[in-house]
Amino acid sequence: MTAVMLEEGTATRNFQRLAEDTESIGASLNATASSERTTVSVSGSASNTEQLVDLLADTLLHRRSPTLGWSESDFSRRHSRAETLQSGCRATEESAKIFYGSTPYARVAPSADEIRAH
């Protein structure tokens, strides 16, 4: 969910402005997460390196609260997207149990109880 939120805007750029700034230089901004790593990347022409670094820095350093400035329909749409990603995660968890058995790789994510404990 956190990786998805990184692409949804920052404290200094809302979703639309972030998309426009990225598109205006022909760049792409991506964030992914797994049980072992989180990756945030930006790609584009080397001639736009300064703007690419600015987009990446803004995304990482000025992230915003997940509900800041969202209407209820925005939140509902994003929540639905997160639920879709979570259902994929459940499938990944079940597959990991089958493929990896009792090894550490069979554990895709902490349980809800483990998260609450921290």
PDB file of N, CA and C in Angstrom:
ATOM      1  N   MET A   1       0.823  -1.188   0.000  1.00  0.00           N
ATOM      2  CA  MET A   1       0.000   0.000   0.000  1.00  0.00           C
ATOM      3  C   MET A   1       0.872   1.258   0.000  1.00  0.00           C
ATOM      4  N   THR A   2       1.951   1.247   0.781  1.00  0.00           N
ATOM      5  CA  THR A   2       2.824   2.417   0.841  1.00  0.00           C
ATOM      6  C   THR A   2       3.425   2.730  -0.517  1.00  0.00           C
ATOM      7  N   ALA A   3       3.853   1.704  -1.246  1.00  0.00           N
ATOM      8  CA  ALA A   3       4.428   1.931  -2.572  1.00  0.00           C
ATOM      9  C   ALA A   3       3.412   2.569  -3.500  1.00  0.00           C
ATOM     10  N   VAL A   4       2.177   2.108  -3.447  1.00  0.00           N
ATOM     11  CA  VAL A   4       1.115   2.692  -4.274  1.00  0.00           C
ATOM     12  C   VAL A   4       0.951   4.170  -3.940  1.00  0.00           C
ATOM     13  N   MET A   5       0.982   4.504  -2.660  1.00  0.00           N
ATOM     14  CA  MET A   5       0.779   5.882  -2.224  1.00  0.00           C
ATOM     15  C   MET A   5       1.898   6.814  -2.691  1.00  0.00           C
ATOM     16  N   LEU A   6       3.108   6.282  -2.860  1.00  0.00           N
ATOM     17  CA  LEU A   6       4.209   7.128  -3.313  1.00  0.00           C
ATOM     18  C   LEU A   6       3.949   7.706  -4.696  1.00  0.00           C
ATOM     19  N   GLU A   7       3.190   7.001  -5.513  1.00  0.00           N
ATOM     20  CA  GLU A   7       2.884   7.466  -6.861  1.00  0.00           C
ATOM     21  C   GLU A   7       1.664   8.380  -6.904  1.00  0.00           C
ATOM     22  N   GLU A   8       1.009   8.588  -5.771  1.00  0.00           N
ATOM     23  CA  GLU A   8      -0.255   9.324  -5.737  1.00  0.00           C
ATOM     24  C   GLU A   8      -0.114  10.804  -5.403  1.00  0.00           C
ATOM     25  N   GLY A   9       1.095  11.306  -5.350  1.00  0.00           N
ATOM     26  CA  GLY A   9       1.291  12.716  -5.063  1.00  0.00           C
ATOM     27  C   GLY A   9       2.163  12.912  -3.832  1.00  0.00           C
ATOM     28  N   THR A  10       2.583  14.154  -3.644  1.00  0.00           N
ATOM     29  CA  THR A  10       3.458  14.490  -2.518  1.00  0.00           C
ATOM     30  C   THR A  10       2.869  15.687  -1.784  1.00  0.00           C
ATOM     31  N   ALA A  11       3.554  16.118  -0.756  1.00  0.00           N
ATOM     32  CA  ALA A  11       3.112  17.306  -0.020  1.00  0.00           C
ATOM     33  C   ALA A  11       3.225  18.562  -0.879  1.00  0.00           C
ATOM     34  N   THR A  12       4.080  18.526  -1.894  1.00  0.00           N
ATOM     35  CA  THR A  12       4.273  19.704  -2.742  1.00  0.00           C
ATOM     36  C   THR A  12       3.646  19.558  -4.134  1.00  0.00           C
ATOM     37  N   ARG A  13       3.284  18.324  -4.527  1.00  0.00           N
ATOM     38  CA  ARG A  13       2.652  18.078  -5.825  1.00  0.00           C
ATOM     39  C   ARG A  13       1.486  17.121  -5.629  1.00  0.00           C
ATOM     40  N   ASN A  14       0.292  17.546  -6.020  1.00  0.00           N
ATOM     41  CA  ASN A  14      -0.827  16.603  -5.960  1.00  0.00           C
ATOM     42  C   ASN A  14      -0.667  15.584  -7.088  1.00  0.00           C
ATOM     43  N   PHE A  15      -1.554  14.594  -7.121  1.00  0.00           N
ATOM     44  CA  PHE A  15      -1.455  13.528  -8.115  1.00  0.00           C
ATOM     45  C   PHE A  15      -1.387  14.079  -9.537  1.00  0.00           C
ATOM     46  N   GLN A  16      -2.267  15.020  -9.857  1.00  0.00           N
ATOM     47  CA  GLN A  16      -2.324  15.564 -11.212  1.00  0.00           C
ATOM     48  C   GLN A  16      -1.035  16.289 -11.570  1.00  0.00           C
ATOM     49  N   ARG A  17      -0.539  17.111 -10.659  1.00  0.00           N
ATOM     50  CA  ARG A  17       0.692  17.855 -10.958  1.00  0.00           C
ATOM     51  C   ARG A  17       1.881  16.906 -11.090  1.00  0.00           C
ATOM     52  N   LEU A  18       1.951  15.897 -10.223  1.00  0.00           N
ATOM     53  CA  LEU A  18       3.034  14.922 -10.316  1.00  0.00           C
ATOM     54  C   LEU A  18       2.991  14.220 -11.674  1.00  0.00           C
ATOM     55  N   ALA A  19       1.794  13.830 -12.112  1.00  0.00           N
ATOM     56  CA  ALA A  19       1.637  13.181 -13.414  1.00  0.00           C
ATOM     57  C   ALA A  19       2.027  14.127 -14.557  1.00  0.00           C
ATOM     58  N   GLU A  20       1.598  15.382 -14.466  1.00  0.00           N
ATOM     59  CA  GLU A  20       1.918  16.355 -15.514  1.00  0.00           C
ATOM     60  C   GLU A  20       3.416  16.629 -15.570  1.00  0.00           C
ATOM     61  N   ASP A  21       4.038  16.805 -14.405  1.00  0.00           N
ATOM     62  CA  ASP A  21       5.483  17.079 -14.367  1.00  0.00           C
ATOM     63  C   ASP A  21       6.277  15.892 -14.914  1.00  0.00           C
ATOM     64  N   THR A  22       5.815  14.696 -14.602  1.00  0.00           N
ATOM     65  CA  THR A  22       6.489  13.496 -15.096  1.00  0.00           C
ATOM     66  C   THR A  22       6.313  13.373 -16.610  1.00  0.00           C
ATOM     67  N   GLU A  23       5.092  13.547 -17.069  1.00  0.00           N
ATOM     68  CA  GLU A  23       4.788  13.422 -18.493  1.00  0.00           C
ATOM     69  C   GLU A  23       5.463  14.511 -19.328  1.00  0.00           C
ATOM     70  N   SER A  24       5.563  15.710 -18.776  1.00  0.00           N
ATOM     71  CA  SER A  24       6.114  16.833 -19.540  1.00  0.00           C
ATOM     72  C   SER A  24       7.559  16.608 -19.971  1.00  0.00           C
ATOM     73  N   ILE A  25       8.273  15.751 -19.257  1.00  0.00           N
ATOM     74  CA  ILE A  25       9.655  15.459 -19.643  1.00  0.00           C
ATOM     75  C   ILE A  25       9.800  14.024 -20.176  1.00  0.00           C
ATOM     76  N   GLY A  26       8.658  13.386 -20.449  1.00  0.00           N
ATOM     77  CA  GLY A  26       8.686  12.038 -21.004  1.00  0.00           C
ATOM     78  C   GLY A  26       9.271  11.014 -20.052  1.00  0.00           C
ATOM     79  N   ALA A  27       9.017  11.186 -18.771  1.00  0.00           N
ATOM     80  CA  ALA A  27       9.583  10.299 -17.753  1.00  0.00           C
ATOM     81  C   ALA A  27       8.534   9.330 -17.234  1.00  0.00           C
ATOM     82  N   SER A  28       8.989   8.379 -16.451  1.00  0.00           N
ATOM     83  CA  SER A  28       8.074   7.501 -15.728  1.00  0.00           C
ATOM     84  C   SER A  28       8.565   7.389 -14.288  1.00  0.00           C
ATOM     85  N   LEU A  29       7.616   7.326 -13.378  1.00  0.00           N
ATOM     86  CA  LEU A  29       7.893   7.217 -11.945  1.00  0.00           C
ATOM     87  C   LEU A  29       7.192   5.958 -11.458  1.00  0.00           C
ATOM     88  N   ASN A  30       7.926   5.079 -10.818  1.00  0.00           N
ATOM     89  CA  ASN A  30       7.359   3.804 -10.376  1.00  0.00           C
ATOM     90  C   ASN A  30       7.778   3.489  -8.946  1.00  0.00           C
ATOM     91  N   ALA A  31       6.882   2.853  -8.211  1.00  0.00           N
ATOM     92  CA  ALA A  31       7.178   2.387  -6.861  1.00  0.00           C
ATOM     93  C   ALA A  31       6.589   0.993  -6.700  1.00  0.00           C
ATOM     94  N   THR A  32       7.400   0.079  -6.203  1.00  0.00           N
ATOM     95  CA  THR A  32       6.946  -1.283  -5.946  1.00  0.00           C
ATOM     96  C   THR A  32       7.473  -1.734  -4.592  1.00  0.00           C
ATOM     97  N   ALA A  33       6.804  -2.701  -4.016  1.00  0.00           N
ATOM     98  CA  ALA A  33       7.253  -3.241  -2.730  1.00  0.00           C
ATOM     99  C   ALA A  33       7.000  -4.731  -2.690  1.00  0.00           C
ATOM    100  N   SER A  34       7.863  -5.421  -2.005  1.00  0.00           N
ATOM    101  CA  SER A  34       7.682  -6.846  -1.762  1.00  0.00           C
ATOM    102  C   SER A  34       8.083  -7.103  -0.319  1.00  0.00           C
ATOM    103  N   SER A  35       8.092  -8.340   0.074  1.00  0.00           N
ATOM    104  CA  SER A  35       8.450  -8.657   1.455  1.00  0.00           C
ATOM    105  C   SER A  35       9.918  -8.385   1.748  1.00  0.00           C
ATOM    106  N   GLU A  36      10.739  -8.299   0.719  1.00  0.00           N
ATOM    107  CA  GLU A  36      12.175  -8.121   0.934  1.00  0.00           C
ATOM    108  C   GLU A  36      12.740  -6.789   0.473  1.00  0.00           C
ATOM    109  N   ARG A  37      11.983  -6.030  -0.314  1.00  0.00           N
ATOM    110  CA  ARG A  37      12.545  -4.771  -0.810  1.00  0.00           C
ATOM    111  C   ARG A  37      11.444  -3.815  -1.253  1.00  0.00           C
ATOM    112  N   THR A  38      11.809  -2.557  -1.259  1.00  0.00           N
ATOM    113  CA  THR A  38      10.969  -1.512  -1.825  1.00  0.00           C
ATOM    114  C   THR A  38      11.820  -0.811  -2.870  1.00  0.00           C
ATOM    115  N   THR A  39      11.230  -0.572  -4.028  1.00  0.00           N
ATOM    116  CA  THR A  39      11.961   0.085  -5.102  1.00  0.00           C
ATOM    117  C   THR A  39      11.158   1.290  -5.576  1.00  0.00           C
ATOM    118  N   VAL A  40      11.818   2.427  -5.613  1.00  0.00           N
ATOM    119  CA  VAL A  40      11.225   3.630  -6.184  1.00  0.00           C
ATOM    120  C   VAL A  40      12.186   4.065  -7.280  1.00  0.00           C
ATOM    121  N   SER A  41      11.662   4.245  -8.488  1.00  0.00           N
ATOM    122  CA  SER A  41      12.532   4.599  -9.597  1.00  0.00           C
ATOM    123  C   SER A  41      11.886   5.644 -10.487  1.00  0.00           C
ATOM    124  N   VAL A  42      12.745   6.358 -11.156  1.00  0.00           N
ATOM    125  CA  VAL A  42      12.301   7.315 -12.155  1.00  0.00           C
ATOM    126  C   VAL A  42      13.189   7.085 -13.371  1.00  0.00           C
ATOM    127  N   SER A  43      12.594   7.134 -14.556  1.00  0.00           N
ATOM    128  CA  SER A  43      13.400   6.956 -15.758  1.00  0.00           C
ATOM    129  C   SER A  43      12.989   7.978 -16.800  1.00  0.00           C
ATOM    130  N   GLY A  44      13.956   8.339 -17.610  1.00  0.00           N
ATOM    131  CA  GLY A  44      13.724   9.319 -18.663  1.00  0.00           C
ATOM    132  C   GLY A  44      15.022   9.642 -19.347  1.00  0.00           C
ATOM    133  N   SER A  45      14.985  10.642 -20.186  1.00  0.00           N
ATOM    134  CA  SER A  45      16.148  11.049 -20.954  1.00  0.00           C
ATOM    135  C   SER A  45      17.235  11.628 -20.052  1.00  0.00           C
ATOM    136  N   ALA A  46      18.476  11.297 -20.373  1.00  0.00           N
ATOM    137  CA  ALA A  46      19.607  11.820 -19.603  1.00  0.00           C
ATOM    138  C   ALA A  46      19.651  13.347 -19.647  1.00  0.00           C
ATOM    139  N   SER A  47      19.094  13.935 -20.694  1.00  0.00           N
ATOM    140  CA  SER A  47      19.094  15.398 -20.792  1.00  0.00           C
ATOM    141  C   SER A  47      18.184  16.034 -19.733  1.00  0.00           C
ATOM    142  N   ASN A  48      17.325  15.229 -19.105  1.00  0.00           N
ATOM    143  CA  ASN A  48      16.425  15.726 -18.056  1.00  0.00           C
ATOM    144  C   ASN A  48      16.823  15.235 -16.670  1.00  0.00           C
ATOM    145  N   THR A  49      18.099  14.927 -16.486  1.00  0.00           N
ATOM    146  CA  THR A  49      18.556  14.350 -15.219  1.00  0.00           C
ATOM    147  C   THR A  49      18.176  15.209 -14.026  1.00  0.00           C
ATOM    148  N   GLU A  50      18.344  16.503 -14.118  1.00  0.00           N
ATOM    149  CA  GLU A  50      18.027  17.381 -12.982  1.00  0.00           C
ATOM    150  C   GLU A  50      16.548  17.274 -12.596  1.00  0.00           C
ATOM    151  N   GLN A  51      15.662  17.296 -13.580  1.00  0.00           N
ATOM    152  CA  GLN A  51      14.224  17.177 -13.306  1.00  0.00           C
ATOM    153  C   GLN A  51      13.872  15.781 -12.786  1.00  0.00           C
ATOM    154  N   LEU A  52      14.538  14.743 -13.305  1.00  0.00           N
ATOM    155  CA  LEU A  52      14.296  13.375 -12.846  1.00  0.00           C
ATOM    156  C   LEU A  52      14.669  13.222 -11.373  1.00  0.00           C
ATOM    157  N   VAL A  53      15.821  13.756 -11.010  1.00  0.00           N
ATOM    158  CA  VAL A  53      16.263  13.686  -9.612  1.00  0.00           C
ATOM    159  C   VAL A  53      15.310  14.484  -8.723  1.00  0.00           C
ATOM    160  N   ASP A  54      14.834  15.621  -9.220  1.00  0.00           N
ATOM    161  CA  ASP A  54      13.877  16.429  -8.455  1.00  0.00           C
ATOM    162  C   ASP A  54      12.579  15.654  -8.210  1.00  0.00           C
ATOM    163  N   LEU A  55      12.060  14.973  -9.232  1.00  0.00           N
ATOM    164  CA  LEU A  55      10.846  14.171  -9.073  1.00  0.00           C
ATOM    165  C   LEU A  55      11.057  13.056  -8.049  1.00  0.00           C
ATOM    166  N   LEU A  56      12.185  12.376  -8.157  1.00  0.00           N
ATOM    167  CA  LEU A  56      12.471  11.278  -7.242  1.00  0.00           C
ATOM    168  C   LEU A  56      12.630  11.791  -5.812  1.00  0.00           C
ATOM    169  N   ALA A  57      13.373  12.874  -5.655  1.00  0.00           N
ATOM    170  CA  ALA A  57      13.570  13.440  -4.318  1.00  0.00           C
ATOM    171  C   ALA A  57      12.257  13.919  -3.719  1.00  0.00           C
ATOM    172  N   ASP A  58      11.433  14.561  -4.519  1.00  0.00           N
ATOM    173  CA  ASP A  58      10.145  15.036  -4.016  1.00  0.00           C
ATOM    174  C   ASP A  58       9.283  13.860  -3.557  1.00  0.00           C
ATOM    175  N   THR A  59       9.267  12.799  -4.339  1.00  0.00           N
ATOM    176  CA  THR A  59       8.470  11.619  -3.995  1.00  0.00           C
ATOM    177  C   THR A  59       8.952  10.980  -2.695  1.00  0.00           C
ATOM    178  N   LEU A  60      10.247  10.910  -2.498  1.00  0.00           N
ATOM    179  CA  LEU A  60      10.788  10.253  -1.310  1.00  0.00           C
ATOM    180  C   LEU A  60      10.808  11.146  -0.073  1.00  0.00           C
ATOM    181  N   LEU A  61      11.081  12.416  -0.256  1.00  0.00           N
ATOM    182  CA  LEU A  61      11.269  13.308   0.890  1.00  0.00           C
ATOM    183  C   LEU A  61      10.023  14.069   1.307  1.00  0.00           C
ATOM    184  N   HIS A  62       9.064  14.210   0.414  1.00  0.00           N
ATOM    185  CA  HIS A  62       7.879  15.011   0.710  1.00  0.00           C
ATOM    186  C   HIS A  62       6.597  14.208   0.572  1.00  0.00           C
ATOM    187  N   ARG A  63       6.682  12.941   0.957  1.00  0.00           N
ATOM    188  CA  ARG A  63       5.465  12.125   0.869  1.00  0.00           C
ATOM    189  C   ARG A  63       4.420  12.711   1.805  1.00  0.00           C
ATOM    190  N   ARG A  64       3.188  12.403   1.517  1.00  0.00           N
ATOM    191  CA  ARG A  64       2.119  13.003   2.293  1.00  0.00           C
ATOM    192  C   ARG A  64       1.265  11.931   2.952  1.00  0.00           C
ATOM    193  N   SER A  65       0.459  12.380   3.878  1.00  0.00           N
ATOM    194  CA  SER A  65      -0.493  11.498   4.534  1.00  0.00           C
ATOM    195  C   SER A  65      -1.403  10.924   3.471  1.00  0.00           C
ATOM    196  N   PRO A  66      -1.731   9.624   3.551  1.00  0.00           N
ATOM    197  CA  PRO A  66      -2.537   9.014   2.498  1.00  0.00           C
ATOM    198  C   PRO A  66      -3.890   9.660   2.246  1.00  0.00           C
ATOM    199  N   THR A  67      -4.432  10.419   3.160  1.00  0.00           N
ATOM    200  CA  THR A  67      -5.750  11.009   2.922  1.00  0.00           C
ATOM    201  C   THR A  67      -5.701  12.511   2.722  1.00  0.00           C
ATOM    202  N   LEU A  68      -4.525  13.110   2.771  1.00  0.00           N
ATOM    203  CA  LEU A  68      -4.390  14.553   2.671  1.00  0.00           C
ATOM    204  C   LEU A  68      -4.941  15.070   1.348  1.00  0.00           C
ATOM    205  N   GLY A  69      -5.999  15.865   1.409  1.00  0.00           N
ATOM    206  CA  GLY A  69      -6.538  16.494   0.213  1.00  0.00           C
ATOM    207  C   GLY A  69      -7.390  15.590  -0.659  1.00  0.00           C
ATOM    208  N   TRP A  70      -7.716  14.401  -0.207  1.00  0.00           N
ATOM    209  CA  TRP A  70      -8.514  13.505  -1.020  1.00  0.00           C
ATOM    210  C   TRP A  70      -9.987  13.678  -0.718  1.00  0.00           C
ATOM    211  N   SER A  71     -10.782  13.634  -1.756  1.00  0.00           N
ATOM    212  CA  SER A  71     -12.224  13.589  -1.552  1.00  0.00           C
ATOM    213  C   SER A  71     -12.591  12.153  -1.182  1.00  0.00           C
ATOM    214  N   GLU A  72     -13.807  11.959  -0.737  1.00  0.00           N
ATOM    215  CA  GLU A  72     -14.230  10.605  -0.366  1.00  0.00           C
ATOM    216  C   GLU A  72     -14.172   9.660  -1.564  1.00  0.00           C
ATOM    217  N   SER A  73     -14.524  10.155  -2.757  1.00  0.00           N
ATOM    218  CA  SER A  73     -14.472   9.282  -3.939  1.00  0.00           C
ATOM    219  C   SER A  73     -13.026   8.936  -4.294  1.00  0.00           C
ATOM    220  N   ASP A  74     -12.087   9.902  -4.129  1.00  0.00           N
ATOM    221  CA  ASP A  74     -10.673   9.616  -4.359  1.00  0.00           C
ATOM    222  C   ASP A  74     -10.204   8.513  -3.418  1.00  0.00           C
ATOM    223  N   PHE A  75     -10.551   8.679  -2.138  1.00  0.00           N
ATOM    224  CA  PHE A  75     -10.123   7.697  -1.149  1.00  0.00           C
ATOM    225  C   PHE A  75     -10.713   6.329  -1.472  1.00  0.00           C
ATOM    226  N   SER A  76     -11.987   6.300  -1.848  1.00  0.00           N
ATOM    227  CA  SER A  76     -12.651   5.043  -2.175  1.00  0.00           C
ATOM    228  C   SER A  76     -11.971   4.365  -3.366  1.00  0.00           C
ATOM    229  N   ARG A  77     -11.642   5.145  -4.390  1.00  0.00           N
ATOM    230  CA  ARG A  77     -10.982   4.584  -5.572  1.00  0.00           C
ATOM    231  C   ARG A  77      -9.610   4.022  -5.217  1.00  0.00           C
ATOM    232  N   ARG A  78      -8.844   4.771  -4.442  1.00  0.00           N
ATOM    233  CA  ARG A  78      -7.514   4.310  -4.056  1.00  0.00           C
ATOM    234  C   ARG A  78      -7.597   3.105  -3.113  1.00  0.00           C
ATOM    235  N   HIS A  79      -8.592   3.119  -2.221  1.00  0.00           N
ATOM    236  CA  HIS A  79      -8.772   1.988  -1.321  1.00  0.00           C
ATOM    237  C   HIS A  79      -9.105   0.735  -2.122  1.00  0.00           C
ATOM    238  N   SER A  80      -9.920   0.880  -3.151  1.00  0.00           N
ATOM    239  CA  SER A  80     -10.275  -0.248  -4.012  1.00  0.00           C
ATOM    240  C   SER A  80      -9.032  -0.780  -4.715  1.00  0.00           C
ATOM    241  N   ARG A  81      -8.174   0.117  -5.170  1.00  0.00           N
ATOM    242  CA  ARG A  81      -6.927  -0.300  -5.827  1.00  0.00           C
ATOM    243  C   ARG A  81      -6.050  -1.059  -4.838  1.00  0.00           C
ATOM    244  N   ALA A  82      -5.972  -0.575  -3.604  1.00  0.00           N
ATOM    245  CA  ALA A  82      -5.170  -1.244  -2.580  1.00  0.00           C
ATOM    246  C   ALA A  82      -5.736  -2.621  -2.264  1.00  0.00           C
ATOM    247  N   GLU A  83      -7.065  -2.742  -2.219  1.00  0.00           N
ATOM    248  CA  GLU A  83      -7.680  -4.049  -1.968  1.00  0.00           C
ATOM    249  C   GLU A  83      -7.351  -5.026  -3.089  1.00  0.00           C
ATOM    250  N   THR A  84      -7.335  -4.543  -4.315  1.00  0.00           N
ATOM    251  CA  THR A  84      -6.978  -5.403  -5.446  1.00  0.00           C
ATOM    252  C   THR A  84      -5.546  -5.891  -5.283  1.00  0.00           C
ATOM    253  N   LEU A  85      -4.655  -4.988  -4.892  1.00  0.00           N
ATOM    254  CA  LEU A  85      -3.264  -5.385  -4.674  1.00  0.00           C
ATOM    255  C   LEU A  85      -3.151  -6.380  -3.525  1.00  0.00           C
ATOM    256  N   GLN A  86      -3.967  -6.186  -2.466  1.00  0.00           N
ATOM    257  CA  GLN A  86      -3.928  -7.097  -1.331  1.00  0.00           C
ATOM    258  C   GLN A  86      -4.408  -8.484  -1.723  1.00  0.00           C
ATOM    259  N   SER A  87      -5.414  -8.574  -2.590  1.00  0.00           N
ATOM    260  CA  SER A  87      -5.884  -9.895  -3.015  1.00  0.00           C
ATOM    261  C   SER A  87      -4.784 -10.606  -3.786  1.00  0.00           C
ATOM    262  N   GLY A  88      -4.016  -9.863  -4.555  1.00  0.00           N
ATOM    263  CA  GLY A  88      -2.858 -10.440  -5.240  1.00  0.00           C
ATOM    264  C   GLY A  88      -1.814 -10.900  -4.247  1.00  0.00           C
ATOM    265  N   CYS A  89      -1.674 -10.150  -3.150  1.00  0.00           N
ATOM    266  CA  CYS A  89      -0.726 -10.517  -2.103  1.00  0.00           C
ATOM    267  C   CYS A  89      -1.151 -11.829  -1.446  1.00  0.00           C
ATOM    268  N   ARG A  90      -2.453 -11.994  -1.209  1.00  0.00           N
ATOM    269  CA  ARG A  90      -2.939 -13.248  -0.611  1.00  0.00           C
ATOM    270  C   ARG A  90      -2.609 -14.437  -1.512  1.00  0.00           C
ATOM    271  N   ALA A  91      -2.778 -14.255  -2.817  1.00  0.00           N
ATOM    272  CA  ALA A  91      -2.438 -15.319  -3.761  1.00  0.00           C
ATOM    273  C   ALA A  91      -0.939 -15.607  -3.712  1.00  0.00           C
ATOM    274  N   THR A  92      -0.145 -14.553  -3.598  1.00  0.00           N
ATOM    275  CA  THR A  92       1.301 -14.714  -3.492  1.00  0.00           C
ATOM    276  C   THR A  92       1.667 -15.474  -2.224  1.00  0.00           C
ATOM    277  N   GLU A  93       0.991 -15.148  -1.118  1.00  0.00           N
ATOM    278  CA  GLU A  93       1.261 -15.842   0.148  1.00  0.00           C
ATOM    279  C   GLU A  93       0.977 -17.332   0.030  1.00  0.00           C
ATOM    280  N   GLU A  94      -0.154 -17.669  -0.573  1.00  0.00           N
ATOM    281  CA  GLU A  94      -0.514 -19.086  -0.716  1.00  0.00           C
ATOM    282  C   GLU A  94       0.471 -19.802  -1.640  1.00  0.00           C
ATOM    283  N   SER A  95       0.865 -19.148  -2.709  1.00  0.00           N
ATOM    284  CA  SER A  95       1.838 -19.744  -3.626  1.00  0.00           C
ATOM    285  C   SER A  95       3.178 -19.946  -2.934  1.00  0.00           C
ATOM    286  N   ALA A  96       3.585 -18.978  -2.135  1.00  0.00           N
ATOM    287  CA  ALA A  96       4.861 -19.084  -1.423  1.00  0.00           C
ATOM    288  C   ALA A  96       4.855 -20.269  -0.469  1.00  0.00           C
ATOM    289  N   LYS A  97       3.736 -20.503   0.202  1.00  0.00           N
ATOM    290  CA  LYS A  97       3.636 -21.654   1.110  1.00  0.00           C
ATOM    291  C   LYS A  97       3.832 -22.958   0.340  1.00  0.00           C
ATOM    292  N   ILE A  98       3.243 -23.027  -0.849  1.00  0.00           N
ATOM    293  CA  ILE A  98       3.354 -24.241  -1.667  1.00  0.00           C
ATOM    294  C   ILE A  98       4.792 -24.426  -2.153  1.00  0.00           C
ATOM    295  N   PHE A  99       5.382 -23.362  -2.693  1.00  0.00           N
ATOM    296  CA  PHE A  99       6.710 -23.470  -3.287  1.00  0.00           C
ATOM    297  C   PHE A  99       7.832 -23.585  -2.256  1.00  0.00           C
ATOM    298  N   TYR A 100       7.731 -22.836  -1.155  1.00  0.00           N
ATOM    299  CA  TYR A 100       8.848 -22.739  -0.220  1.00  0.00           C
ATOM    300  C   TYR A 100       8.656 -23.495   1.083  1.00  0.00           C
ATOM    301  N   GLY A 101       7.478 -24.085   1.287  1.00  0.00           N
ATOM    302  CA  GLY A 101       7.247 -24.890   2.485  1.00  0.00           C
ATOM    303  C   GLY A 101       7.506 -24.141   3.772  1.00  0.00           C
ATOM    304  N   SER A 102       8.400 -24.654   4.604  1.00  0.00           N
ATOM    305  CA  SER A 102       8.648 -24.055   5.918  1.00  0.00           C
ATOM    306  C   SER A 102       9.889 -23.156   5.940  1.00  0.00           C
ATOM    307  N   THR A 103      10.423 -22.812   4.771  1.00  0.00           N
ATOM    308  CA  THR A 103      11.591 -21.925   4.734  1.00  0.00           C
ATOM    309  C   THR A 103      11.162 -20.476   4.979  1.00  0.00           C
ATOM    310  N   PRO A 104      12.101 -19.587   5.307  1.00  0.00           N
ATOM    311  CA  PRO A 104      11.751 -18.172   5.529  1.00  0.00           C
ATOM    312  C   PRO A 104      11.094 -17.507   4.319  1.00  0.00           C
ATOM    313  N   TYR A 105      11.366 -17.997   3.105  1.00  0.00           N
ATOM    314  CA  TYR A 105      10.781 -17.387   1.910  1.00  0.00           C
ATOM    315  C   TYR A 105       9.288 -17.663   1.785  1.00  0.00           C
ATOM    316  N   ALA A 106       8.775 -18.597   2.561  1.00  0.00           N
ATOM    317  CA  ALA A 106       7.337 -18.876   2.524  1.00  0.00           C
ATOM    318  C   ALA A 106       6.543 -17.769   3.203  1.00  0.00           C
ATOM    319  N   ARG A 107       7.217 -16.939   3.963  1.00  0.00           N
ATOM    320  CA  ARG A 107       6.555 -15.840   4.671  1.00  0.00           C
ATOM    321  C   ARG A 107       6.647 -14.581   3.826  1.00  0.00           C
ATOM    322  N   VAL A 108       5.542 -14.163   3.267  1.00  0.00           N
ATOM    323  CA  VAL A 108       5.520 -13.028   2.350  1.00  0.00           C
ATOM    324  C   VAL A 108       5.436 -11.703   3.097  1.00  0.00           C
ATOM    325  N   ALA A 109       4.643 -11.658   4.155  1.00  0.00           N
ATOM    326  CA  ALA A 109       4.433 -10.404   4.887  1.00  0.00           C
ATOM    327  C   ALA A 109       4.096 -10.739   6.340  1.00  0.00           C
ATOM    328  N   PRO A 110       4.309  -9.775   7.240  1.00  0.00           N
ATOM    329  CA  PRO A 110       3.934 -10.017   8.637  1.00  0.00           C
ATOM    330  C   PRO A 110       2.420 -10.132   8.777  1.00  0.00           C
ATOM    331  N   SER A 111       2.011 -10.859   9.791  1.00  0.00           N
ATOM    332  CA  SER A 111       0.570 -11.000  10.049  1.00  0.00           C
ATOM    333  C   SER A 111       0.013  -9.714  10.651  1.00  0.00           C
ATOM    334  N   ALA A 112      -1.295  -9.584  10.645  1.00  0.00           N
ATOM    335  CA  ALA A 112      -1.944  -8.415  11.236  1.00  0.00           C
ATOM    336  C   ALA A 112      -1.586  -8.305  12.714  1.00  0.00           C
ATOM    337  N   ASP A 113      -1.511  -9.426  13.418  1.00  0.00           N
ATOM    338  CA  ASP A 113      -1.157  -9.410  14.850  1.00  0.00           C
ATOM    339  C   ASP A 113       0.274  -8.915  15.047  1.00  0.00           C
ATOM    340  N   GLU A 114       1.175  -9.315  14.162  1.00  0.00           N
ATOM    341  CA  GLU A 114       2.568  -8.860  14.265  1.00  0.00           C
ATOM    342  C   GLU A 114       2.674  -7.359  14.003  1.00  0.00           C
ATOM    343  N   ILE A 115       1.874  -6.865  13.086  1.00  0.00           N
ATOM    344  CA  ILE A 115       1.886  -5.433  12.788  1.00  0.00           C
ATOM    345  C   ILE A 115       1.345  -4.654  13.978  1.00  0.00           C
ATOM    346  N   ARG A 116       0.239  -5.119  14.545  1.00  0.00           N
ATOM    347  CA  ARG A 116      -0.361  -4.446  15.715  1.00  0.00           C
ATOM    348  C   ARG A 116       0.599  -4.436  16.902  1.00  0.00           C
ATOM    349  N   ALA A 117       1.404  -5.472  17.038  1.00  0.00           N
ATOM    350  CA  ALA A 117       2.336  -5.571  18.169  1.00  0.00           C
ATOM    351  C   ALA A 117       3.420  -4.506  18.105  1.00  0.00           C
ATOM    352  N   HIS A 118       3.690  -3.994  16.921  1.00  0.00           N
ATOM    353  CA  HIS A 118       4.715  -2.957  16.792  1.00  0.00           C
ATOM    354  C   HIS A 118       4.061  -1.634  16.787  1.00  0.00           C
TER     355      HIS A 118
END
